[in-house]
Structures are given as C-alpha cells and as structure tokens.
Amino acid sequence: MVRITLEKLYPDMKEATVGRWLKSEGEPVAEGEPLVELITDKITFELESTGSGILRQIYFREKSVVPVGCTLAALGDSTEALPDIEAENRERIAAWEAEMAAEREAAAPAGPRLVAGGPRLKRAEGVRATPSARRLAREHGIDLADVPPPAEGPITEKDVQAYLEKSERGKR
C-alpha cells in the first residue's frame, strides 16, 4: 500500500486545502501522476503520486483543510487490507488543533480582552463560508455576516482578505 501524505513544502506551512481530486476512487494511478490539487496560503499546486496502484481510499474531500502530515489517500491493489488511517488522521488533526489554539492564545494581546457573544455572533451562524475563511475572519475579529458573499458558493478566504483590505483602506 502507498500512502499519499501532505508533506511540509516550506518552513511555516501548517495546512493545505484540498482543491479538487484529479482521480477518483477505483482509478489506476501511476507514480508521478498528478493526483490532487492543493491550496496553501502561499501556493496552489498539484500533488503527484509517490507510487502506483489503484486509488483505494480518499480521506479528505474537496474544500477540506488538512494539517501537514495527514494521509490524503491510499493506493494499492484491490486485495490489500487498508490500515486504520482515519484514526491516525484524527490524532494528527487533534494535535494540530491544539497547536493552533496555543498559537492563537500566545498571539492574543495582553490586557483586557473583548468577549465575543450576543447578537453579533448569532448573525454569522447561518453564513456559508469555507473553513479557511472562517479561520481568517476569526483571527481578525470579523463577523462573516459583514463580508459581501460571492455570486456563487460560500465565502472564501479571498473574500475575507478583500474585505480586510477594503476596511484598511477606509481607515486611512
């Protein structure tokens, strides 16, 4: 069995978002063949297969935010038993979430803090947004209900970034 794993491409890379799968489960995959499009905060690229075989299992669907080190997919022949990769991925995700929470806590300014709540939080509950857009909005204290939605689909990280840039220009 061959594991297709999200490797760290640059020193501060912590995660990537699955753009689209270029192969479907059950399809043959050759070594070096592009398998999945991944999006990071710095680049978008096609991850090539590190081995060959049948694409047996995809563990993260499109638009999933995946921490470095997680297994994205498994290749092999149809008779091979797959190990419990989902349990391994859950452990990595839990460790990553704890690390991200610790980083947010360390980056929080000292002194009195505003407590989120009330009607402002309720406004963002029904807003459709990607996980990376929600994370960026949270990091900057933005209510997603204030971000203009795109014509189609959920609010993306790019939409939040555009809102941030427009807000910054307005403050000058």
N, C-alpha and C. Protein backbone atom coordinates (compact mmCIF):
# COMPACT_ATOMS: atom_id res chain seq x y z
N MET A 1 0.83 -1.18 0.00
CA MET A 1 0.00 0.00 0.00
C MET A 1 0.88 1.24 0.00
N VAL A 2 0.45 2.26 -0.73
CA VAL A 2 1.16 3.53 -0.79
C VAL A 2 0.28 4.60 -0.15
N ARG A 3 0.86 5.34 0.79
CA ARG A 3 0.13 6.45 1.42
C ARG A 3 0.52 7.75 0.69
N ILE A 4 -0.47 8.53 0.36
CA ILE A 4 -0.24 9.86 -0.21
C ILE A 4 -0.43 10.83 0.95
N THR A 5 0.68 11.44 1.37
CA THR A 5 0.70 12.26 2.59
C THR A 5 0.97 13.72 2.25
N LEU A 6 0.37 14.62 3.01
CA LEU A 6 0.64 16.04 2.86
C LEU A 6 1.95 16.35 3.59
N GLU A 7 2.97 16.65 2.81
CA GLU A 7 4.28 16.97 3.36
C GLU A 7 4.43 18.49 3.47
N LYS A 8 5.30 18.93 4.36
CA LYS A 8 5.60 20.35 4.54
C LYS A 8 6.44 20.82 3.36
N LEU A 9 5.96 21.85 2.65
CA LEU A 9 6.66 22.35 1.46
C LEU A 9 7.55 23.55 1.76
N TYR A 10 7.26 24.25 2.84
CA TYR A 10 8.07 25.40 3.25
C TYR A 10 7.99 25.48 4.78
N PRO A 11 8.96 26.15 5.42
CA PRO A 11 9.10 26.08 6.88
C PRO A 11 7.86 26.39 7.70
N ASP A 12 7.07 27.39 7.33
CA ASP A 12 5.92 27.75 8.18
C ASP A 12 4.60 27.16 7.68
N MET A 13 4.66 26.20 6.76
CA MET A 13 3.43 25.56 6.27
C MET A 13 2.86 24.66 7.36
N LYS A 14 1.57 24.85 7.64
CA LYS A 14 0.90 24.06 8.67
C LYS A 14 -0.27 23.26 8.11
N GLU A 15 -0.80 23.68 6.96
CA GLU A 15 -2.02 23.07 6.43
C GLU A 15 -2.14 23.36 4.95
N ALA A 16 -3.07 22.68 4.31
CA ALA A 16 -3.44 22.94 2.92
C ALA A 16 -4.93 22.63 2.79
N THR A 17 -5.55 23.23 1.80
CA THR A 17 -6.95 22.96 1.49
C THR A 17 -7.00 22.11 0.23
N VAL A 18 -7.80 21.06 0.26
CA VAL A 18 -7.96 20.21 -0.93
C VAL A 18 -8.79 20.99 -1.94
N GLY A 19 -8.18 21.26 -3.11
CA GLY A 19 -8.89 21.97 -4.18
C GLY A 19 -9.82 21.02 -4.91
N ARG A 20 -9.21 20.08 -5.65
CA ARG A 20 -10.02 19.08 -6.35
C ARG A 20 -9.18 17.84 -6.57
N TRP A 21 -9.84 16.72 -6.57
CA TRP A 21 -9.18 15.45 -6.85
C TRP A 21 -9.13 15.26 -8.35
N LEU A 22 -7.98 14.89 -8.88
CA LEU A 22 -7.81 14.69 -10.31
C LEU A 22 -8.07 13.24 -10.70
N LYS A 23 -8.17 12.37 -9.71
CA LYS A 23 -8.51 10.95 -9.90
C LYS A 23 -9.64 10.60 -8.94
N SER A 24 -10.39 9.57 -9.27
CA SER A 24 -11.48 9.09 -8.42
C SER A 24 -11.10 7.75 -7.81
N GLU A 25 -11.75 7.42 -6.71
CA GLU A 25 -11.52 6.12 -6.09
C GLU A 25 -11.80 5.03 -7.11
N GLY A 26 -10.93 4.02 -7.13
CA GLY A 26 -11.07 2.91 -8.06
C GLY A 26 -10.28 3.07 -9.34
N GLU A 27 -9.78 4.27 -9.62
CA GLU A 27 -8.99 4.52 -10.83
C GLU A 27 -7.53 4.15 -10.62
N PRO A 28 -6.86 3.67 -11.69
CA PRO A 28 -5.43 3.40 -11.58
C PRO A 28 -4.65 4.72 -11.58
N VAL A 29 -3.55 4.72 -10.80
CA VAL A 29 -2.70 5.90 -10.69
C VAL A 29 -1.26 5.47 -10.90
N ALA A 30 -0.52 6.19 -11.74
CA ALA A 30 0.89 5.89 -11.98
C ALA A 30 1.75 6.80 -11.11
N GLU A 31 2.92 6.33 -10.73
CA GLU A 31 3.85 7.14 -9.94
C GLU A 31 4.20 8.40 -10.72
N GLY A 32 4.18 9.55 -10.03
CA GLY A 32 4.48 10.83 -10.65
C GLY A 32 3.29 11.50 -11.32
N GLU A 33 2.16 10.82 -11.37
CA GLU A 33 0.96 11.38 -11.99
C GLU A 33 0.27 12.35 -11.03
N PRO A 34 -0.18 13.53 -11.52
CA PRO A 34 -0.90 14.46 -10.64
C PRO A 34 -2.15 13.79 -10.08
N LEU A 35 -2.33 13.92 -8.76
CA LEU A 35 -3.41 13.22 -8.08
C LEU A 35 -4.46 14.17 -7.48
N VAL A 36 -3.99 15.28 -6.89
CA VAL A 36 -4.90 16.18 -6.20
C VAL A 36 -4.34 17.60 -6.24
N GLU A 37 -5.24 18.58 -6.36
CA GLU A 37 -4.85 19.99 -6.31
C GLU A 37 -4.94 20.45 -4.86
N LEU A 38 -3.86 21.06 -4.38
CA LEU A 38 -3.82 21.55 -3.00
C LEU A 38 -3.57 23.06 -2.99
N ILE A 39 -4.16 23.73 -2.02
CA ILE A 39 -4.05 25.19 -1.91
C ILE A 39 -3.50 25.51 -0.53
N THR A 40 -2.39 26.26 -0.49
CA THR A 40 -1.85 26.72 0.79
C THR A 40 -1.97 28.23 0.81
N ASP A 41 -1.50 28.84 1.91
CA ASP A 41 -1.55 30.30 1.98
C ASP A 41 -0.56 30.95 1.03
N LYS A 42 0.38 30.16 0.45
CA LYS A 42 1.38 30.73 -0.45
C LYS A 42 1.28 30.23 -1.89
N ILE A 43 0.86 28.98 -2.09
CA ILE A 43 0.83 28.43 -3.44
C ILE A 43 -0.36 27.50 -3.64
N THR A 44 -0.67 27.27 -4.93
CA THR A 44 -1.61 26.24 -5.34
C THR A 44 -0.82 25.31 -6.23
N PHE A 45 -0.93 24.01 -5.99
CA PHE A 45 -0.13 23.07 -6.77
C PHE A 45 -0.85 21.73 -6.89
N GLU A 46 -0.36 20.91 -7.84
CA GLU A 46 -0.88 19.56 -8.00
C GLU A 46 0.10 18.62 -7.34
N LEU A 47 -0.38 17.84 -6.38
CA LEU A 47 0.45 16.86 -5.69
C LEU A 47 0.53 15.62 -6.56
N GLU A 48 1.75 15.17 -6.84
CA GLU A 48 1.95 13.98 -7.65
C GLU A 48 1.96 12.74 -6.77
N SER A 49 1.54 11.63 -7.36
CA SER A 49 1.53 10.36 -6.64
C SER A 49 2.96 9.89 -6.37
N THR A 50 3.19 9.39 -5.18
CA THR A 50 4.52 8.89 -4.81
C THR A 50 4.65 7.39 -5.09
N GLY A 51 3.62 6.81 -5.66
CA GLY A 51 3.66 5.40 -6.02
C GLY A 51 2.59 5.11 -7.05
N SER A 52 2.40 3.84 -7.37
CA SER A 52 1.38 3.50 -8.34
C SER A 52 0.46 2.43 -7.75
N GLY A 53 -0.73 2.34 -8.32
CA GLY A 53 -1.73 1.37 -7.87
C GLY A 53 -3.12 1.91 -8.12
N ILE A 54 -4.08 1.26 -7.54
CA ILE A 54 -5.48 1.70 -7.63
C ILE A 54 -5.72 2.69 -6.49
N LEU A 55 -6.40 3.80 -6.79
CA LEU A 55 -6.75 4.76 -5.74
C LEU A 55 -7.85 4.11 -4.90
N ARG A 56 -7.45 3.56 -3.77
CA ARG A 56 -8.36 2.78 -2.93
C ARG A 56 -9.26 3.66 -2.06
N GLN A 57 -8.68 4.69 -1.46
CA GLN A 57 -9.45 5.48 -0.50
C GLN A 57 -8.97 6.93 -0.53
N ILE A 58 -9.92 7.86 -0.57
CA ILE A 58 -9.66 9.29 -0.41
C ILE A 58 -10.15 9.64 0.98
N TYR A 59 -9.27 10.25 1.80
CA TYR A 59 -9.63 10.52 3.19
C TYR A 59 -10.12 11.95 3.43
N PHE A 60 -9.85 12.86 2.51
CA PHE A 60 -10.30 14.24 2.67
C PHE A 60 -10.95 14.68 1.36
N ARG A 61 -12.16 15.13 1.45
CA ARG A 61 -12.91 15.59 0.28
C ARG A 61 -12.49 17.02 -0.09
N GLU A 62 -12.98 17.47 -1.24
CA GLU A 62 -12.68 18.82 -1.70
C GLU A 62 -13.12 19.85 -0.67
N LYS A 63 -12.32 20.88 -0.52
CA LYS A 63 -12.51 22.01 0.40
C LYS A 63 -12.18 21.66 1.85
N SER A 64 -11.64 20.46 2.09
CA SER A 64 -11.20 20.10 3.44
C SER A 64 -9.88 20.78 3.75
N VAL A 65 -9.74 21.30 4.96
CA VAL A 65 -8.46 21.86 5.41
C VAL A 65 -7.73 20.73 6.11
N VAL A 66 -6.51 20.44 5.63
CA VAL A 66 -5.76 19.27 6.08
C VAL A 66 -4.44 19.70 6.70
N PRO A 67 -4.14 19.26 7.92
CA PRO A 67 -2.84 19.57 8.53
C PRO A 67 -1.71 18.78 7.86
N VAL A 68 -0.52 19.36 7.89
CA VAL A 68 0.67 18.68 7.38
C VAL A 68 0.82 17.35 8.11
N GLY A 69 1.20 16.32 7.39
CA GLY A 69 1.44 15.01 7.97
C GLY A 69 0.27 14.05 7.83
N CYS A 70 -0.90 14.55 7.49
CA CYS A 70 -2.06 13.66 7.34
C CYS A 70 -1.98 12.89 6.03
N THR A 71 -2.55 11.70 6.03
CA THR A 71 -2.63 10.89 4.83
C THR A 71 -3.87 11.32 4.06
N LEU A 72 -3.65 11.76 2.81
CA LEU A 72 -4.74 12.23 1.96
C LEU A 72 -5.48 11.08 1.28
N ALA A 73 -4.70 10.06 0.87
CA ALA A 73 -5.28 8.95 0.12
C ALA A 73 -4.39 7.72 0.25
N ALA A 74 -4.95 6.57 -0.14
CA ALA A 74 -4.19 5.32 -0.13
C ALA A 74 -4.32 4.65 -1.49
N LEU A 75 -3.18 4.15 -1.99
CA LEU A 75 -3.13 3.41 -3.24
C LEU A 75 -2.75 1.98 -2.93
N GLY A 76 -3.19 1.06 -3.75
CA GLY A 76 -2.79 -0.33 -3.59
C GLY A 76 -3.59 -1.19 -4.54
N ASP A 77 -3.44 -2.51 -4.40
CA ASP A 77 -4.28 -3.36 -5.22
C ASP A 77 -5.57 -3.66 -4.45
N SER A 78 -6.54 -4.17 -5.15
CA SER A 78 -7.87 -4.33 -4.56
C SER A 78 -7.94 -5.41 -3.49
N THR A 79 -6.90 -6.23 -3.33
CA THR A 79 -6.93 -7.28 -2.32
C THR A 79 -6.29 -6.86 -1.00
N GLU A 80 -5.53 -5.78 -1.02
CA GLU A 80 -4.84 -5.33 0.20
C GLU A 80 -5.83 -4.75 1.20
N ALA A 81 -5.62 -5.10 2.45
CA ALA A 81 -6.43 -4.52 3.53
C ALA A 81 -5.82 -3.16 3.88
N LEU A 82 -6.68 -2.18 4.05
CA LEU A 82 -6.21 -0.85 4.41
C LEU A 82 -6.07 -0.73 5.93
N PRO A 83 -4.97 -0.16 6.41
CA PRO A 83 -4.85 0.07 7.86
C PRO A 83 -5.84 1.16 8.28
N ASP A 84 -5.98 1.38 9.59
CA ASP A 84 -6.91 2.38 10.11
C ASP A 84 -6.28 3.77 10.01
N ILE A 85 -6.22 4.28 8.80
CA ILE A 85 -5.61 5.58 8.54
C ILE A 85 -6.47 6.70 9.12
N GLU A 86 -7.78 6.51 9.15
CA GLU A 86 -8.66 7.55 9.69
C GLU A 86 -8.35 7.84 11.15
N ALA A 87 -8.02 6.82 11.93
CA ALA A 87 -7.66 7.02 13.35
C ALA A 87 -6.35 7.82 13.44
N GLU A 88 -5.38 7.48 12.60
CA GLU A 88 -4.11 8.22 12.58
C GLU A 88 -4.35 9.68 12.22
N ASN A 89 -5.20 9.90 11.20
CA ASN A 89 -5.51 11.28 10.79
C ASN A 89 -6.20 12.05 11.91
N ARG A 90 -7.13 11.40 12.63
CA ARG A 90 -7.82 12.07 13.74
C ARG A 90 -6.83 12.52 14.81
N GLU A 91 -5.83 11.67 15.10
CA GLU A 91 -4.80 12.04 16.08
C GLU A 91 -4.00 13.25 15.62
N ARG A 92 -3.62 13.24 14.34
CA ARG A 92 -2.86 14.38 13.79
C ARG A 92 -3.70 15.67 13.82
N ILE A 93 -4.96 15.55 13.47
CA ILE A 93 -5.85 16.72 13.46
C ILE A 93 -6.02 17.27 14.87
N ALA A 94 -6.18 16.40 15.85
CA ALA A 94 -6.33 16.84 17.25
C ALA A 94 -5.06 17.56 17.71
N ALA A 95 -3.89 17.03 17.38
CA ALA A 95 -2.63 17.68 17.76
C ALA A 95 -2.50 19.03 17.07
N TRP A 96 -2.87 19.09 15.79
CA TRP A 96 -2.80 20.33 15.02
C TRP A 96 -3.75 21.38 15.60
N GLU A 97 -4.96 20.97 15.94
CA GLU A 97 -5.93 21.91 16.52
C GLU A 97 -5.42 22.46 17.85
N ALA A 98 -4.80 21.60 18.66
CA ALA A 98 -4.24 22.05 19.94
C ALA A 98 -3.10 23.04 19.71
N GLU A 99 -2.26 22.76 18.73
CA GLU A 99 -1.15 23.66 18.40
C GLU A 99 -1.67 25.02 17.92
N MET A 100 -2.71 25.00 17.06
CA MET A 100 -3.27 26.25 16.54
C MET A 100 -3.91 27.05 17.68
N ALA A 101 -4.59 26.38 18.60
CA ALA A 101 -5.20 27.07 19.74
C ALA A 101 -4.13 27.70 20.62
N ALA A 102 -3.02 26.98 20.84
CA ALA A 102 -1.93 27.52 21.65
C ALA A 102 -1.30 28.73 20.97
N GLU A 103 -1.14 28.69 19.64
CA GLU A 103 -0.58 29.83 18.91
C GLU A 103 -1.51 31.03 19.00
N ARG A 104 -2.82 30.81 18.87
CA ARG A 104 -3.78 31.92 18.97
C ARG A 104 -3.72 32.54 20.36
N GLU A 105 -3.64 31.70 21.38
CA GLU A 105 -3.58 32.17 22.76
C GLU A 105 -2.31 32.98 22.99
N ALA A 106 -1.18 32.50 22.46
CA ALA A 106 0.09 33.21 22.62
C ALA A 106 0.09 34.54 21.87
N ALA A 107 -0.64 34.59 20.75
CA ALA A 107 -0.68 35.81 19.95
C ALA A 107 -1.70 36.82 20.46
N ALA A 108 -2.55 36.40 21.39
CA ALA A 108 -3.57 37.30 21.92
C ALA A 108 -2.91 38.45 22.69
N PRO A 109 -3.38 39.66 22.48
CA PRO A 109 -2.78 40.79 23.18
C PRO A 109 -3.02 40.72 24.69
N ALA A 110 -2.06 41.23 25.44
CA ALA A 110 -2.20 41.25 26.90
C ALA A 110 -3.19 42.34 27.30
N GLY A 111 -3.72 42.25 28.48
CA GLY A 111 -4.65 43.28 28.95
C GLY A 111 -6.08 42.85 28.76
N PRO A 112 -7.01 43.78 28.91
CA PRO A 112 -8.42 43.43 28.81
C PRO A 112 -8.75 42.91 27.42
N ARG A 113 -9.60 41.92 27.37
CA ARG A 113 -9.99 41.34 26.09
C ARG A 113 -11.49 41.49 25.91
N LEU A 114 -11.89 41.67 24.66
CA LEU A 114 -13.30 41.73 24.34
C LEU A 114 -13.84 40.31 24.32
N VAL A 115 -15.01 40.13 24.84
CA VAL A 115 -15.62 38.81 24.85
C VAL A 115 -16.66 38.79 23.74
N ALA A 116 -16.52 37.83 22.84
CA ALA A 116 -17.48 37.71 21.74
C ALA A 116 -18.78 37.14 22.28
N GLY A 117 -19.87 37.54 21.67
CA GLY A 117 -21.15 36.99 22.08
C GLY A 117 -22.27 37.90 21.65
N GLY A 118 -23.44 37.64 22.14
CA GLY A 118 -24.58 38.48 21.84
C GLY A 118 -25.04 38.32 20.41
N PRO A 119 -25.77 39.32 19.90
CA PRO A 119 -26.39 39.21 18.60
C PRO A 119 -25.37 39.15 17.46
N ARG A 120 -24.18 39.73 17.65
CA ARG A 120 -23.19 39.75 16.58
C ARG A 120 -22.77 38.33 16.20
N LEU A 121 -22.56 37.48 17.18
CA LEU A 121 -22.19 36.09 16.90
C LEU A 121 -23.32 35.36 16.19
N LYS A 122 -24.52 35.61 16.58
CA LYS A 122 -25.68 34.94 16.00
C LYS A 122 -25.82 35.26 14.52
N ARG A 123 -25.42 36.46 14.09
CA ARG A 123 -25.56 36.84 12.69
C ARG A 123 -24.73 35.94 11.78
N ALA A 124 -23.54 35.51 12.22
CA ALA A 124 -22.63 34.74 11.37
C ALA A 124 -22.97 33.25 11.33
N GLU A 125 -23.87 32.79 12.18
CA GLU A 125 -24.15 31.35 12.26
C GLU A 125 -24.64 30.75 10.96
N GLY A 126 -25.49 31.42 10.24
CA GLY A 126 -26.05 30.86 9.00
C GLY A 126 -25.25 31.20 7.76
N VAL A 127 -24.13 31.87 7.89
CA VAL A 127 -23.32 32.28 6.75
C VAL A 127 -22.54 31.09 6.22
N ARG A 128 -22.61 30.85 4.91
CA ARG A 128 -21.84 29.78 4.28
C ARG A 128 -20.43 30.29 4.01
N ALA A 129 -19.42 29.61 4.56
CA ALA A 129 -18.04 30.02 4.39
C ALA A 129 -17.12 28.80 4.49
N THR A 130 -15.99 28.88 3.79
CA THR A 130 -15.02 27.79 3.86
C THR A 130 -14.32 27.83 5.21
N PRO A 131 -13.74 26.71 5.65
CA PRO A 131 -13.03 26.71 6.93
C PRO A 131 -11.90 27.74 6.98
N SER A 132 -11.17 27.91 5.87
CA SER A 132 -10.07 28.89 5.89
C SER A 132 -10.61 30.31 5.98
N ALA A 133 -11.79 30.57 5.40
CA ALA A 133 -12.40 31.90 5.51
C ALA A 133 -12.84 32.15 6.95
N ARG A 134 -13.42 31.14 7.58
CA ARG A 134 -13.85 31.28 8.99
C ARG A 134 -12.64 31.54 9.89
N ARG A 135 -11.55 30.81 9.64
CA ARG A 135 -10.34 30.97 10.45
C ARG A 135 -9.78 32.40 10.30
N LEU A 136 -9.68 32.89 9.06
CA LEU A 136 -9.15 34.23 8.83
C LEU A 136 -10.05 35.29 9.47
N ALA A 137 -11.36 35.12 9.34
CA ALA A 137 -12.29 36.07 9.95
C ALA A 137 -12.14 36.07 11.46
N ARG A 138 -12.01 34.88 12.04
CA ARG A 138 -11.83 34.77 13.49
C ARG A 138 -10.54 35.45 13.93
N GLU A 139 -9.45 35.23 13.17
CA GLU A 139 -8.15 35.81 13.52
C GLU A 139 -8.19 37.34 13.52
N HIS A 140 -9.04 37.91 12.67
CA HIS A 140 -9.09 39.37 12.55
C HIS A 140 -10.33 39.97 13.21
N GLY A 141 -11.10 39.14 13.91
CA GLY A 141 -12.27 39.65 14.63
C GLY A 141 -13.37 40.16 13.71
N ILE A 142 -13.51 39.53 12.55
CA ILE A 142 -14.51 39.95 11.56
C ILE A 142 -15.74 39.06 11.69
N ASP A 143 -16.91 39.68 11.64
CA ASP A 143 -18.16 38.93 11.59
C ASP A 143 -18.39 38.58 10.12
N LEU A 144 -18.49 37.29 9.81
CA LEU A 144 -18.67 36.86 8.42
C LEU A 144 -19.95 37.43 7.80
N ALA A 145 -20.92 37.79 8.62
CA ALA A 145 -22.15 38.38 8.10
C ALA A 145 -21.88 39.75 7.46
N ASP A 146 -20.74 40.38 7.80
CA ASP A 146 -20.39 41.68 7.22
C ASP A 146 -19.65 41.56 5.89
N VAL A 147 -19.15 40.35 5.57
CA VAL A 147 -18.37 40.14 4.34
C VAL A 147 -19.34 39.92 3.18
N PRO A 148 -19.21 40.72 2.11
CA PRO A 148 -20.11 40.52 0.96
C PRO A 148 -19.91 39.12 0.36
N PRO A 149 -20.96 38.33 0.22
CA PRO A 149 -20.81 36.98 -0.32
C PRO A 149 -20.56 37.00 -1.83
N PRO A 150 -19.89 35.97 -2.35
CA PRO A 150 -19.68 35.90 -3.80
C PRO A 150 -21.00 35.55 -4.50
N ALA A 151 -21.01 35.67 -5.82
CA ALA A 151 -22.23 35.38 -6.59
C ALA A 151 -22.65 33.92 -6.42
N GLU A 152 -21.67 33.02 -6.35
CA GLU A 152 -21.97 31.59 -6.17
C GLU A 152 -21.07 31.02 -5.09
N GLY A 153 -21.57 30.07 -4.36
CA GLY A 153 -20.76 29.34 -3.40
C GLY A 153 -20.57 30.06 -2.08
N PRO A 154 -19.79 29.44 -1.20
CA PRO A 154 -19.56 30.02 0.12
C PRO A 154 -18.54 31.16 0.08
N ILE A 155 -18.48 31.92 1.15
CA ILE A 155 -17.46 32.96 1.30
C ILE A 155 -16.12 32.24 1.41
N THR A 156 -15.12 32.72 0.67
CA THR A 156 -13.80 32.10 0.68
C THR A 156 -12.80 33.00 1.41
N GLU A 157 -11.62 32.46 1.60
CA GLU A 157 -10.55 33.22 2.23
C GLU A 157 -10.25 34.49 1.43
N LYS A 158 -10.33 34.41 0.09
CA LYS A 158 -10.10 35.58 -0.76
C LYS A 158 -11.13 36.67 -0.49
N ASP A 159 -12.39 36.28 -0.26
CA ASP A 159 -13.44 37.26 0.02
C ASP A 159 -13.16 37.97 1.34
N VAL A 160 -12.72 37.22 2.35
CA VAL A 160 -12.40 37.82 3.65
C VAL A 160 -11.20 38.75 3.50
N GLN A 161 -10.19 38.30 2.73
CA GLN A 161 -8.99 39.13 2.51
C GLN A 161 -9.36 40.44 1.81
N ALA A 162 -10.24 40.37 0.81
CA ALA A 162 -10.69 41.59 0.11
C ALA A 162 -11.42 42.52 1.07
N TYR A 163 -12.25 41.96 1.94
CA TYR A 163 -12.97 42.75 2.93
C TYR A 163 -11.98 43.44 3.88
N LEU A 164 -10.95 42.69 4.30
CA LEU A 164 -9.91 43.25 5.18
C LEU A 164 -9.19 44.42 4.50
N GLU A 165 -8.80 44.20 3.25
CA GLU A 165 -8.09 45.26 2.51
C GLU A 165 -8.96 46.49 2.33
N LYS A 166 -10.23 46.29 2.03
CA LYS A 166 -11.15 47.42 1.87
C LYS A 166 -11.32 48.16 3.19
N SER A 167 -11.40 47.41 4.29
CA SER A 167 -11.53 48.03 5.63
C SER A 167 -10.30 48.83 5.98
N GLU A 168 -9.12 48.31 5.64
CA GLU A 168 -7.87 49.01 5.93
C GLU A 168 -7.77 50.31 5.14
N ARG A 169 -8.19 50.26 3.86
CA ARG A 169 -8.16 51.48 3.03
C ARG A 169 -9.10 52.54 3.61
N GLY A 170 -10.23 52.08 4.14
CA GLY A 170 -11.21 53.01 4.71
C GLY A 170 -10.73 53.69 5.97
N LYS A 171 -9.79 53.06 6.68
CA LYS A 171 -9.27 53.62 7.93
C LYS A 171 -8.21 54.68 7.68
N ARG A 172 -7.63 54.69 6.50
CA ARG A 172 -6.53 55.65 6.22
C ARG A 172 -7.04 57.03 5.95
